[in-house]
């Protein structure tokens, strides 16, 4: 499952307050992925162990 947000910098602290462990696309803890297009992404697992992706929205 994937979500898009225009405020990734606001989402990250909110997830941290809930003790959600954030990863990049390689599984590195406390990190994020920045794609060639500049879009930042974070990943975390839901309670059943499925990965959730959150992308930073971009304007084109």
C-alpha atoms as a PDB file:
ATOM      1  CA  UNK A   1       0.000   0.000   0.000  1.00  0.00           C
ATOM      2  CA  UNK A   2       1.251   3.463  -0.770  1.00  0.00           C
ATOM      3  CA  UNK A   3       0.235   6.953   0.289  1.00  0.00           C
ATOM      4  CA  UNK A   4       1.184  10.378  -1.013  1.00  0.00           C
ATOM      5  CA  UNK A   5       1.564  13.488   1.152  1.00  0.00           C
ATOM      6  CA  UNK A   6       2.439  17.097   0.509  1.00  0.00           C
ATOM      7  CA  UNK A   7       3.981  17.319   4.004  1.00  0.00           C
ATOM      8  CA  UNK A   8       6.412  14.439   4.490  1.00  0.00           C
ATOM      9  CA  UNK A   9       8.349  16.574   6.987  1.00  0.00           C
ATOM     10  CA  UNK A  10       5.173  16.757   9.067  1.00  0.00           C
ATOM     11  CA  UNK A  11       4.296  13.069   8.713  1.00  0.00           C
ATOM     12  CA  UNK A  12       7.669  11.785   9.938  1.00  0.00           C
ATOM     13  CA  UNK A  13       7.475  13.337  13.455  1.00  0.00           C
ATOM     14  CA  UNK A  14       3.874  12.169  13.832  1.00  0.00           C
ATOM     15  CA  UNK A  15       4.888   8.587  13.043  1.00  0.00           C
ATOM     16  CA  UNK A  16       7.883   8.895  15.374  1.00  0.00           C
ATOM     17  CA  UNK A  17       5.547   9.946  18.213  1.00  0.00           C
ATOM     18  CA  UNK A  18       3.660   6.676  17.650  1.00  0.00           C
ATOM     19  CA  UNK A  19       6.966   4.731  17.798  1.00  0.00           C
ATOM     20  CA  UNK A  20       6.655   3.678  14.155  1.00  0.00           C
ATOM     21  CA  UNK A  21       9.999   2.419  12.847  1.00  0.00           C
ATOM     22  CA  UNK A  22      10.775   4.189   9.574  1.00  0.00           C
ATOM     23  CA  UNK A  23      12.987   2.726   6.848  1.00  0.00           C
ATOM     24  CA  UNK A  24      14.251   3.567   3.385  1.00  0.00           C
ATOM     25  CA  UNK A  25      13.583   1.351   0.360  1.00  0.00           C
ATOM     26  CA  UNK A  26      16.591  -0.817   1.264  1.00  0.00           C
ATOM     27  CA  UNK A  27      15.305  -1.473   4.789  1.00  0.00           C
ATOM     28  CA  UNK A  28      17.768   0.888   6.499  1.00  0.00           C
ATOM     29  CA  UNK A  29      16.244   2.005   9.788  1.00  0.00           C
ATOM     30  CA  UNK A  30      15.734   5.750  10.455  1.00  0.00           C
ATOM     31  CA  UNK A  31      16.368   6.693   6.852  1.00  0.00           C
ATOM     32  CA  UNK A  32      14.460   7.681   3.737  1.00  0.00           C
ATOM     33  CA  UNK A  33      14.902   7.154   0.019  1.00  0.00           C
ATOM     34  CA  UNK A  34      15.327  10.053  -2.361  1.00  0.00           C
ATOM     35  CA  UNK A  35      14.685   8.996  -5.946  1.00  0.00           C
ATOM     36  CA  UNK A  36      16.344  10.350  -9.070  1.00  0.00           C
ATOM     37  CA  UNK A  37      13.243  12.518  -9.518  1.00  0.00           C
ATOM     38  CA  UNK A  38      13.782  14.035  -6.052  1.00  0.00           C
ATOM     39  CA  UNK A  39      10.734  12.360  -4.520  1.00  0.00           C
ATOM     40  CA  UNK A  40      11.404  11.301  -0.928  1.00  0.00           C
ATOM     41  CA  UNK A  41       9.906   8.043   0.342  1.00  0.00           C
ATOM     42  CA  UNK A  42       9.622   6.389   3.735  1.00  0.00           C
ATOM     43  CA  UNK A  43       8.521   2.857   4.534  1.00  0.00           C
ATOM     44  CA  UNK A  44       7.166   1.166   7.643  1.00  0.00           C
ATOM     45  CA  UNK A  45       5.413  -2.071   8.502  1.00  0.00           C
ATOM     46  CA  UNK A  46       1.791  -2.382   9.550  1.00  0.00           C
ATOM     47  CA  UNK A  47       0.911  -4.570  12.570  1.00  0.00           C
ATOM     48  CA  UNK A  48       0.705  -7.652  10.301  1.00  0.00           C
ATOM     49  CA  UNK A  49       4.173  -7.030   8.849  1.00  0.00           C
ATOM     50  CA  UNK A  50       3.135  -5.616   5.469  1.00  0.00           C
ATOM     51  CA  UNK A  51       5.168  -2.688   4.146  1.00  0.00           C
ATOM     52  CA  UNK A  52       3.513   0.728   3.828  1.00  0.00           C
ATOM     53  CA  UNK A  53       5.088   3.352   1.576  1.00  0.00           C
ATOM     54  CA  UNK A  54       4.653   7.119   1.953  1.00  0.00           C
ATOM     55  CA  UNK A  55       5.751   9.351  -0.932  1.00  0.00           C
ATOM     56  CA  UNK A  56       6.285  13.066  -0.966  1.00  0.00           C
ATOM     57  CA  UNK A  57       3.894  14.679  -3.436  1.00  0.00           C
ATOM     58  CA  UNK A  58       5.454  16.669  -6.241  1.00  0.00           C
ATOM     59  CA  UNK A  59       4.086  19.296  -8.528  1.00  0.00           C
ATOM     60  CA  UNK A  60       4.667  18.846 -12.225  1.00  0.00           C
END
